[in-house]
Amino acid sequence: MKIVILGAGQVGASVAENLVRESNDITVVDIDATKLQNLQDRFDLRTVHGFGSHPSVLRQAGIEDADMLLAVTQSDETNLVACKLAATLFNTPTKIARIRCADYLQQKDSICSTENFAVDYIISPEEVLTDYIYKLIEYPEALQVLDFAEGKVKLGAVKAFHGGPLVGHELQYLRKHMPNIDTRVAAIFRKDRPIIPEGTTVIEAEDEVFFVAAAENIRVVMREMRQLDKAAKRVMIAGGGNIGRRLAQSLEERYQVKLIDHNKKNSERLAADLHSSLVLFGSATDPDLLQAENVEDMDVFCALTNDDETNIMAALLAKRMGARKVIALINRSAYVDLVESGRIDIAISPAQATIGSLLAHVRRGDMAVVHSLRRGAAEALEAIAHGDAKTSRVVGKSVEQVDLPRGATIGAIVRGDQVIIAHHDTIIESEDHVILFVINKQMISKVEKLFQVDIGFF
């Protein structure tokens, strides 16, 4: 697929890295020559220096025969104008824009219509991240909680711990203890090494266990995986930017929220906009302020400023002072693994958390949802099966008959409103939403081919 990416920032660079590795023809456009040179030094792609909203620059980038435009610059206006130009001047088939402004998002259907800016899909990293962090607060024992089939199915990730209910037991032990609850362990990572789960696989302490279950059963399954932490009530947020503000707004009806921001004017605006959240002016790395605001009583501390070092220091300080769970937003991917191996409970890479919303539109076959897992090393996909036994490689077959590449597992199937946890004899029907877990990104193209309908396939 030939794709033009506007913007070489965190999101654009991360998307480019993922798509180049999957043998796509990628051109990146940006006004920062240094960022472009860094990308070109690392990956096999083209770069164009210039403004993405200029027709001449788009033409130079090869938009005339591109399959897709990904406009992910820091400027909403640039992204919108570029999509309009791609539609009217170059007839680009698919146009995706990154939009951050709440005013635009509130009127996105009108703004993105064919008559206006002709945007096919919108992505909003701030919205995706807010939802991502919200779920981590809602399920404090989880490393990740992701939705499929409009929330009917959830994928959860937990870390097994010494003395936990699952440690030392085979996976088939789960079925005996939950005879009325169906779930499937999709993958296990042990010391960063993936393990394909079988009934006789024994869970060890520190294993990361990924499982799928119907939404209403997620807490029951988590209770078997590990002791549930007590529900969170008190949340402290460091950073009142787009993400911190959105998170406070989404939390304040159900939780006691304190938000710290270092900018006085922004603090005043936040205090006026938020209803019940307590807004504090000061530094999140000030131990006196944290102590005065009883950080030791916080169930979750979220460090969400625009500065990685501040987030790391604030999270470490909050943890040392007694906060139960700390979450840090880390833009530099090199820091994420380093930080999570220490005292910080969860380090979130914004680019990796949001890239799935882009990949769903790039994947071949009909992919409804894509989630990037373990900093991009693995993926969870929601693929829609089309066709019949003659034209499809999956329809009419049982799970064990599907020619899945090694490292790919089918976890669940959603048929209408029915959630079916996949077993070896489960038959896939046309229009089923199939939830897959792929532990090796190199196998993605083979999974995609399985869900492509081929008129000549017999």
Protein backbone atom coordinates (compact mmCIF):
# COMPACT_ATOMS: atom_id res chain seq x y z
CA MET A 1 0.00 0.00 0.00
CA LYS A 2 1.30 3.46 -0.87
CA ILE A 3 0.80 5.83 2.07
CA VAL A 4 1.69 9.50 2.56
CA ILE A 5 2.14 10.53 6.21
CA LEU A 6 2.04 14.20 7.17
CA GLY A 7 3.92 14.84 10.40
CA ALA A 8 7.13 13.26 11.72
CA GLY A 9 6.31 13.73 15.40
CA GLN A 10 5.70 10.94 17.91
CA VAL A 11 2.53 9.67 16.22
CA GLY A 12 3.77 10.03 12.64
CA ALA A 13 7.15 8.42 13.37
CA SER A 14 5.56 5.53 15.24
CA VAL A 15 3.06 4.88 12.44
CA ALA A 16 5.81 5.08 9.83
CA GLU A 17 7.94 2.59 11.76
CA ASN A 18 5.08 0.10 11.99
CA LEU A 19 3.99 0.42 8.38
CA VAL A 20 7.50 0.24 6.89
CA ARG A 21 8.08 -3.06 8.68
CA GLU A 22 4.98 -4.42 6.95
CA SER A 23 6.37 -3.66 3.48
CA ASN A 24 4.26 -0.58 2.74
CA ASP A 25 5.55 2.23 0.49
CA ILE A 26 5.83 5.16 2.92
CA THR A 27 6.56 8.85 2.35
CA VAL A 28 6.75 11.21 5.36
CA VAL A 29 6.28 14.98 5.04
CA ASP A 30 7.34 17.49 7.70
CA ILE A 31 8.76 21.02 8.07
CA ASP A 32 11.47 19.75 10.45
CA ALA A 33 14.39 18.50 8.35
CA THR A 34 16.14 16.97 11.38
CA LYS A 35 13.20 14.73 12.21
CA LEU A 36 12.96 13.61 8.60
CA GLN A 37 16.68 12.81 8.47
CA ASN A 38 16.41 10.73 11.65
CA LEU A 39 13.55 8.72 10.12
CA GLN A 40 15.40 8.21 6.87
CA ASP A 41 18.50 7.02 8.72
CA ARG A 42 16.48 4.40 10.59
CA PHE A 43 13.92 3.15 8.06
CA ASP A 44 13.47 2.40 4.38
CA LEU A 45 11.15 5.28 3.46
CA ARG A 46 11.03 8.54 1.51
CA THR A 47 10.83 11.98 3.07
CA VAL A 48 9.73 15.35 1.75
CA HIS A 49 10.58 18.64 3.46
CA GLY A 50 7.71 21.15 3.35
CA PHE A 51 4.19 22.08 4.45
CA GLY A 52 1.75 19.19 4.16
CA SER A 53 -1.12 21.53 3.28
CA HIS A 54 0.63 22.81 0.13
CA PRO A 55 -0.49 21.08 -3.12
CA SER A 56 3.03 21.15 -4.57
CA VAL A 57 4.42 19.38 -1.50
CA LEU A 58 1.67 16.76 -1.60
CA ARG A 59 2.39 16.19 -5.28
CA GLN A 60 6.10 15.82 -4.55
CA ALA A 61 5.23 13.24 -1.88
CA GLY A 62 3.40 11.15 -4.47
CA ILE A 63 -0.18 11.83 -3.41
CA GLU A 64 -1.41 11.46 -7.02
CA ASP A 65 -1.20 7.66 -6.89
CA ALA A 66 -1.28 7.13 -3.09
CA ASP A 67 -3.81 4.77 -1.54
CA MET A 68 -4.01 6.71 1.72
CA LEU A 69 -3.20 10.03 3.36
CA LEU A 70 -2.48 10.07 7.10
CA ALA A 71 -2.50 13.69 8.25
CA VAL A 72 -1.12 13.57 11.80
CA THR A 73 0.68 16.89 12.21
CA GLN A 74 0.31 18.94 15.40
CA SER A 75 -2.00 21.35 13.56
CA ASP A 76 -5.67 20.37 13.15
CA GLU A 77 -6.07 23.00 10.44
CA THR A 78 -3.16 21.63 8.40
CA ASN A 79 -4.58 18.12 8.69
CA LEU A 80 -8.07 19.18 7.60
CA VAL A 81 -6.86 21.27 4.65
CA ALA A 82 -4.55 18.48 3.47
CA CYS A 83 -7.45 16.00 3.46
CA LYS A 84 -9.61 18.42 1.47
CA LEU A 85 -6.84 18.95 -1.10
CA ALA A 86 -6.22 15.20 -1.36
CA ALA A 87 -9.92 14.67 -2.08
CA THR A 88 -10.56 17.50 -4.54
CA LEU A 89 -7.24 17.73 -6.40
CA PHE A 90 -5.91 14.17 -6.26
CA ASN A 91 -8.92 11.92 -5.55
CA THR A 92 -7.05 10.04 -2.81
CA PRO A 93 -9.17 7.00 -1.79
CA THR A 94 -8.69 7.17 2.01
CA LYS A 95 -8.00 10.26 4.09
CA ILE A 96 -7.38 10.15 7.86
CA ALA A 97 -6.90 13.25 10.01
CA ARG A 98 -5.63 13.70 13.54
CA ILE A 99 -7.90 16.16 15.37
CA ARG A 100 -7.21 17.50 18.87
CA CYS A 101 -9.52 20.52 19.23
CA ALA A 102 -12.68 19.73 21.21
CA ASP A 103 -14.71 22.23 19.13
CA TYR A 104 -13.88 20.34 15.94
CA LEU A 105 -14.57 16.96 17.54
CA GLN A 106 -18.00 18.07 18.76
CA GLN A 107 -19.00 18.86 15.17
CA LYS A 108 -16.93 16.20 13.43
CA ASP A 109 -19.77 14.75 11.31
CA SER A 110 -20.41 18.11 9.66
CA ILE A 111 -16.78 19.19 9.42
CA CYS A 112 -15.61 15.89 7.93
CA SER A 113 -18.41 15.51 5.38
CA THR A 114 -17.61 15.29 1.68
CA GLU A 115 -18.92 18.84 1.14
CA ASN A 116 -16.54 20.25 3.74
CA PHE A 117 -13.13 18.72 4.54
CA ALA A 118 -13.78 15.23 3.12
CA VAL A 119 -12.12 13.33 6.00
CA ASP A 120 -12.91 9.61 5.94
CA TYR A 121 -11.71 8.85 9.48
CA ILE A 122 -10.73 10.96 12.47
CA ILE A 123 -8.27 9.92 15.14
CA SER A 124 -7.94 11.79 18.41
CA PRO A 125 -4.95 10.55 20.44
CA GLU A 126 -6.10 12.52 23.49
CA GLU A 127 -9.50 10.80 23.47
CA VAL A 128 -7.90 7.37 22.99
CA LEU A 129 -5.42 7.96 25.82
CA THR A 130 -8.11 9.27 28.18
CA ASP A 131 -10.19 6.14 27.60
CA TYR A 132 -7.10 3.94 27.98
CA ILE A 133 -6.14 5.48 31.35
CA TYR A 134 -9.75 5.51 32.56
CA LYS A 135 -9.92 1.72 32.14
CA LEU A 136 -6.66 1.29 34.08
CA ILE A 137 -8.23 3.23 36.96
CA GLU A 138 -11.49 1.27 36.67
CA TYR A 139 -9.54 -2.02 36.80
CA PRO A 140 -6.60 -1.18 39.10
CA GLU A 141 -5.20 -4.72 39.03
CA ALA A 142 -4.85 -4.72 35.22
CA LEU A 143 -1.89 -3.82 33.00
CA GLN A 144 -4.22 -3.29 30.03
CA VAL A 145 -7.96 -3.47 29.37
CA LEU A 146 -9.10 -3.18 25.75
CA ASP A 147 -12.52 -3.26 24.09
CA PHE A 148 -13.70 -5.23 21.07
CA ALA A 149 -17.05 -5.50 19.30
CA GLU A 150 -18.25 -2.16 20.72
CA GLY A 151 -17.46 -3.24 24.27
CA LYS A 152 -19.07 -6.70 24.18
CA VAL A 153 -15.67 -8.38 24.58
CA LYS A 154 -12.72 -7.21 26.63
CA LEU A 155 -9.08 -8.24 26.55
CA GLY A 156 -7.36 -7.96 29.89
CA ALA A 157 -3.71 -8.26 30.87
CA VAL A 158 -2.62 -8.97 34.44
CA LYS A 159 0.69 -9.81 36.09
CA ALA A 160 0.68 -13.02 38.11
CA PHE A 161 2.29 -12.61 41.53
CA HIS A 162 3.78 -14.89 44.20
CA GLY A 163 0.97 -16.53 46.15
CA GLY A 164 -1.64 -15.53 43.55
CA PRO A 165 -4.57 -17.89 42.87
CA LEU A 166 -3.30 -18.90 39.41
CA VAL A 167 0.43 -19.25 40.07
CA GLY A 168 1.66 -22.84 40.01
CA HIS A 169 -1.51 -24.14 38.34
CA GLU A 170 -2.20 -25.33 34.79
CA LEU A 171 -4.51 -23.19 32.68
CA GLN A 172 -7.14 -25.93 32.62
CA TYR A 173 -7.47 -25.23 36.36
CA LEU A 174 -9.38 -22.08 35.39
CA ARG A 175 -12.18 -24.11 33.79
CA LYS A 176 -12.63 -26.20 36.93
CA HIS A 177 -12.85 -23.15 39.17
CA MET A 178 -15.17 -21.23 36.86
CA PRO A 179 -17.48 -23.86 35.34
CA ASN A 180 -20.10 -21.25 34.46
CA ILE A 181 -17.74 -18.58 33.10
CA ASP A 182 -16.08 -18.97 29.71
CA THR A 183 -12.75 -17.31 29.05
CA ARG A 184 -9.62 -17.97 27.06
CA VAL A 185 -6.00 -17.13 27.79
CA ALA A 186 -4.76 -15.72 24.49
CA ALA A 187 -1.07 -15.33 25.31
CA ILE A 188 1.50 -15.34 28.09
CA PHE A 189 4.70 -13.31 28.21
CA ARG A 190 7.41 -14.62 30.51
CA LYS A 191 10.48 -12.36 30.87
CA ASP A 192 9.47 -10.71 27.56
CA ARG A 193 9.32 -14.08 25.80
CA PRO A 194 5.94 -15.09 24.35
CA ILE A 195 4.45 -18.46 25.27
CA ILE A 196 1.61 -20.00 23.27
CA PRO A 197 -0.84 -21.16 25.98
CA GLU A 198 -2.10 -24.74 26.21
CA GLY A 199 -4.23 -26.47 28.81
CA THR A 200 -1.13 -27.87 30.52
CA THR A 201 0.77 -24.56 30.60
CA VAL A 202 1.67 -23.65 34.19
CA ILE A 203 1.51 -19.98 35.20
CA GLU A 204 4.57 -18.62 36.99
CA ALA A 205 4.95 -15.52 39.16
CA GLU A 206 5.65 -12.34 37.14
CA ASP A 207 4.02 -13.80 34.00
CA GLU A 208 1.96 -11.32 31.98
CA VAL A 209 -1.28 -13.13 31.18
CA PHE A 210 -3.55 -11.88 28.37
CA PHE A 211 -7.11 -13.22 28.31
CA VAL A 212 -10.43 -12.52 26.58
CA ALA A 213 -13.88 -12.68 28.13
CA ALA A 214 -17.35 -11.23 27.71
CA ALA A 215 -17.50 -7.74 29.24
CA GLU A 216 -19.80 -8.81 32.07
CA ASN A 217 -17.37 -11.58 33.12
CA ILE A 218 -14.13 -9.58 33.11
CA ARG A 219 -13.98 -8.95 36.87
CA VAL A 220 -14.78 -12.57 37.71
CA VAL A 221 -11.95 -13.78 35.49
CA MET A 222 -9.53 -11.22 36.90
CA ARG A 223 -10.35 -12.46 40.39
CA GLU A 224 -9.13 -15.91 39.33
CA MET A 225 -6.04 -14.49 37.68
CA ARG A 226 -5.01 -12.48 40.75
CA GLN A 227 -6.49 -11.02 43.90
CA LEU A 228 -8.53 -7.96 43.03
CA ASP A 229 -7.21 -4.69 44.34
CA LYS A 230 -9.75 -2.65 46.25
CA ALA A 231 -11.70 -0.31 43.98
CA ALA A 232 -10.08 3.05 43.40
CA LYS A 233 -11.77 6.10 44.93
CA ARG A 234 -9.08 8.80 45.09
CA VAL A 235 -7.11 9.87 42.02
CA MET A 236 -4.38 12.50 41.73
CA ILE A 237 -3.43 13.83 38.28
CA ALA A 238 -0.20 15.68 37.53
CA GLY A 239 -0.57 17.88 34.46
CA GLY A 240 -3.55 19.92 33.30
CA GLY A 241 -3.00 19.68 29.56
CA ASN A 242 -5.42 18.12 27.07
CA ILE A 243 -5.09 14.61 28.51
CA GLY A 244 -5.08 15.60 32.20
CA ARG A 245 -8.11 17.85 31.75
CA ARG A 246 -10.07 15.26 29.76
CA LEU A 247 -9.27 12.56 32.31
CA ALA A 248 -10.36 14.75 35.24
CA GLN A 249 -13.63 15.53 33.45
CA SER A 250 -14.34 11.85 32.82
CA LEU A 251 -13.45 10.81 36.38
CA GLU A 252 -14.92 13.51 38.61
CA GLU A 253 -18.48 12.15 38.75
CA ARG A 254 -17.31 8.79 40.17
CA TYR A 255 -13.99 9.56 41.88
CA GLN A 256 -12.42 12.11 44.19
CA VAL A 257 -10.01 13.91 41.87
CA LYS A 258 -7.10 16.26 42.60
CA LEU A 259 -5.29 17.86 39.66
CA ILE A 260 -1.90 19.61 39.91
CA ASP A 261 -0.74 22.06 37.25
CA HIS A 262 2.36 24.27 37.26
CA ASN A 263 0.80 27.08 35.18
CA LYS A 264 -1.25 29.56 37.22
CA LYS A 265 -3.49 30.78 34.39
CA ASN A 266 -4.16 27.25 33.22
CA SER A 267 -4.96 26.23 36.81
CA GLU A 268 -7.53 29.01 37.00
CA ARG A 269 -9.13 27.89 33.72
CA LEU A 270 -9.22 24.29 34.93
CA ALA A 271 -10.82 25.31 38.22
CA ALA A 272 -13.55 27.11 36.28
CA ASP A 273 -14.13 24.25 33.80
CA LEU A 274 -14.11 21.31 36.22
CA HIS A 275 -17.06 20.74 38.54
CA SER A 276 -15.94 18.77 41.58
CA SER A 277 -12.21 18.23 40.97
CA LEU A 278 -9.81 20.09 43.26
CA VAL A 279 -7.30 22.03 41.14
CA LEU A 280 -3.91 22.80 42.72
CA PHE A 281 -1.30 25.26 41.45
CA GLY A 282 2.23 23.93 41.94
CA SER A 283 4.81 21.36 40.89
CA ALA A 284 3.99 17.65 40.90
CA THR A 285 7.62 16.97 41.89
CA ASP A 286 7.30 19.10 45.06
CA PRO A 287 7.26 16.61 47.98
CA ASP A 288 5.84 19.24 50.35
CA LEU A 289 2.83 19.79 48.08
CA LEU A 290 2.27 16.06 47.64
CA GLN A 291 2.50 15.49 51.38
CA ALA A 292 0.14 18.39 52.12
CA GLU A 293 -2.40 16.91 49.68
CA ASN A 294 -2.13 13.42 51.22
CA VAL A 295 -0.60 11.62 48.25
CA GLU A 296 -0.19 8.57 50.52
CA ASP A 297 -3.99 8.16 50.50
CA MET A 298 -4.25 8.14 46.70
CA ASP A 299 -5.39 4.94 45.03
CA VAL A 300 -3.99 6.06 41.66
CA PHE A 301 -1.46 8.77 40.78
CA CYS A 302 -1.31 9.71 37.07
CA ALA A 303 1.68 11.72 35.80
CA LEU A 304 0.43 13.22 32.52
CA THR A 305 2.51 16.33 31.87
CA ASN A 306 4.22 17.02 28.52
CA ASP A 307 7.66 16.30 30.01
CA ASP A 308 8.90 12.69 30.35
CA GLU A 309 11.40 13.47 33.09
CA THR A 310 8.78 15.30 35.17
CA ASN A 311 6.37 12.38 34.78
CA ILE A 312 9.00 9.85 35.82
CA MET A 313 10.13 11.86 38.84
CA ALA A 314 6.59 12.70 39.96
CA ALA A 315 5.47 9.07 39.66
CA LEU A 316 8.52 7.76 41.54
CA LEU A 317 8.07 10.36 44.26
CA ALA A 318 4.35 9.61 44.63
CA LYS A 319 5.07 5.87 44.84
CA ARG A 320 7.76 6.36 47.48
CA MET A 321 5.39 8.56 49.50
CA GLY A 322 2.69 5.88 49.54
CA ALA A 323 0.43 6.16 46.46
CA ARG A 324 -0.98 2.69 45.76
CA LYS A 325 -0.64 2.65 41.97
CA VAL A 326 1.29 5.08 39.77
CA ILE A 327 0.92 5.61 36.01
CA ALA A 328 3.34 7.69 33.93
CA LEU A 329 2.96 8.97 30.38
CA ILE A 330 6.30 8.46 28.59
CA ASN A 331 6.83 9.72 25.03
CA ARG A 332 10.32 8.33 24.50
CA SER A 333 9.93 4.64 23.74
CA ALA A 334 13.44 3.91 25.05
CA TYR A 335 12.32 4.99 28.52
CA VAL A 336 9.18 2.84 28.72
CA ASP A 337 10.72 -0.60 29.36
CA LEU A 338 13.35 0.93 31.62
CA VAL A 339 10.75 2.70 33.76
CA GLU A 340 8.31 -0.23 34.04
CA SER A 341 11.05 -2.50 35.33
CA GLY A 342 11.36 -0.25 38.38
CA ARG A 343 8.91 1.26 40.83
CA ILE A 344 6.44 2.72 38.34
CA ASP A 345 3.48 0.38 37.90
CA ILE A 346 2.47 1.30 34.34
CA ALA A 347 4.32 3.41 31.77
CA ILE A 348 2.19 4.42 28.79
CA SER A 349 3.62 5.27 25.39
CA PRO A 350 1.09 7.65 23.78
CA ALA A 351 2.15 6.66 20.27
CA GLN A 352 1.74 2.92 20.95
CA ALA A 353 -1.56 3.41 22.79
CA THR A 354 -3.07 5.33 19.87
CA ILE A 355 -1.52 3.64 16.84
CA GLY A 356 -4.19 0.93 16.77
CA SER A 357 -6.84 3.44 15.73
CA LEU A 358 -4.74 4.10 12.61
CA LEU A 359 -3.71 0.53 11.89
CA ALA A 360 -7.35 -0.61 11.71
CA HIS A 361 -7.70 1.43 8.49
CA VAL A 362 -4.42 0.23 7.01
CA ARG A 363 -4.82 -3.49 7.55
CA ARG A 364 -5.93 -5.58 4.57
CA GLY A 365 -9.11 -7.55 5.07
CA ASP A 366 -11.98 -6.05 7.07
CA MET A 367 -10.42 -5.04 10.41
CA ALA A 368 -12.85 -3.33 12.79
CA VAL A 369 -10.39 -2.82 15.65
CA VAL A 370 -6.61 -3.08 16.06
CA HIS A 371 -4.84 -2.75 19.41
CA SER A 372 -1.06 -2.57 19.67
CA LEU A 373 0.27 -4.56 22.64
CA ARG A 374 3.55 -4.69 24.52
CA ARG A 375 4.98 -1.56 22.88
CA GLY A 376 4.10 -2.80 19.41
CA ALA A 377 5.59 -6.30 19.70
CA ALA A 378 2.14 -7.94 19.49
CA GLU A 379 -1.33 -7.06 18.26
CA ALA A 380 -4.93 -7.89 19.06
CA LEU A 381 -7.28 -7.68 16.09
CA GLU A 382 -11.00 -7.74 15.48
CA ALA A 383 -11.48 -9.11 11.96
CA ILE A 384 -14.84 -9.51 10.23
CA ALA A 385 -15.34 -12.72 8.28
CA HIS A 386 -17.02 -12.32 4.87
CA GLY A 387 -17.99 -14.64 2.06
CA ASP A 388 -18.77 -18.35 2.18
CA ALA A 389 -16.93 -21.66 2.27
CA LYS A 390 -15.86 -21.22 -1.38
CA THR A 391 -14.62 -17.63 -1.24
CA SER A 392 -13.28 -17.42 2.33
CA ARG A 393 -10.41 -19.16 4.08
CA VAL A 394 -12.19 -19.02 7.45
CA VAL A 395 -15.97 -19.14 6.92
CA GLY A 396 -17.45 -22.58 7.48
CA LYS A 397 -14.30 -23.84 9.20
CA SER A 398 -13.77 -24.73 12.83
CA VAL A 399 -11.09 -22.85 14.75
CA GLU A 400 -8.72 -25.84 14.57
CA GLN A 401 -9.16 -26.02 10.78
CA VAL A 402 -8.19 -22.39 10.19
CA ASP A 403 -4.62 -22.18 8.88
CA LEU A 404 -3.40 -19.70 11.47
CA PRO A 405 0.32 -18.85 11.47
CA ARG A 406 2.25 -19.92 14.54
CA GLY A 407 1.84 -17.36 17.28
CA ALA A 408 -1.71 -16.37 16.30
CA THR A 409 -4.72 -17.50 18.34
CA ILE A 410 -8.45 -16.92 18.02
CA GLY A 411 -9.80 -15.86 21.40
CA ALA A 412 -13.47 -15.07 20.84
CA ILE A 413 -16.17 -14.65 18.21
CA VAL A 414 -19.01 -12.13 18.36
CA ARG A 415 -22.10 -13.12 16.37
CA GLY A 416 -24.68 -10.37 16.58
CA ASP A 417 -25.05 -9.77 20.31
CA GLN A 418 -23.74 -13.23 21.23
CA VAL A 419 -20.21 -13.60 22.61
CA ILE A 420 -18.67 -17.01 21.90
CA ILE A 421 -15.33 -17.86 23.53
CA ALA A 422 -13.44 -19.78 20.86
CA HIS A 423 -12.70 -23.49 21.29
CA HIS A 424 -11.16 -25.92 18.80
CA ASP A 425 -14.56 -26.98 17.41
CA THR A 426 -16.15 -23.52 17.18
CA ILE A 427 -17.36 -22.86 13.61
CA ILE A 428 -16.81 -19.43 12.06
CA GLU A 429 -19.77 -18.00 10.14
CA SER A 430 -20.01 -15.15 7.66
CA GLU A 431 -20.18 -11.69 9.32
CA ASP A 432 -18.71 -13.04 12.57
CA HIS A 433 -16.38 -10.63 14.38
CA VAL A 434 -13.29 -12.71 15.17
CA ILE A 435 -10.98 -11.56 17.99
CA LEU A 436 -7.38 -12.66 17.36
CA PHE A 437 -4.16 -12.30 19.30
CA VAL A 438 -0.90 -12.23 17.30
CA ILE A 439 2.27 -12.43 19.38
CA ASN A 440 4.60 -11.90 16.40
CA LYS A 441 4.00 -8.83 14.22
CA GLN A 442 5.69 -10.58 11.30
CA MET A 443 2.68 -12.88 11.07
CA ILE A 444 0.16 -10.03 10.62
CA SER A 445 0.17 -10.20 6.80
CA LYS A 446 -0.71 -13.92 6.90
CA VAL A 447 -3.60 -13.22 9.27
CA GLU A 448 -4.83 -10.44 6.98
CA LYS A 449 -4.85 -12.77 3.97
CA LEU A 450 -7.04 -15.25 5.84
CA PHE A 451 -9.79 -12.63 6.10
CA GLN A 452 -9.59 -11.37 2.52
CA VAL A 453 -12.37 -12.67 0.31
CA ASP A 454 -11.02 -14.08 -2.94
CA ILE A 455 -13.50 -14.61 -5.78
CA GLY A 456 -11.23 -17.23 -7.29
CA PHE A 457 -10.40 -19.02 -4.06
CA PHE A 458 -11.48 -22.69 -3.86
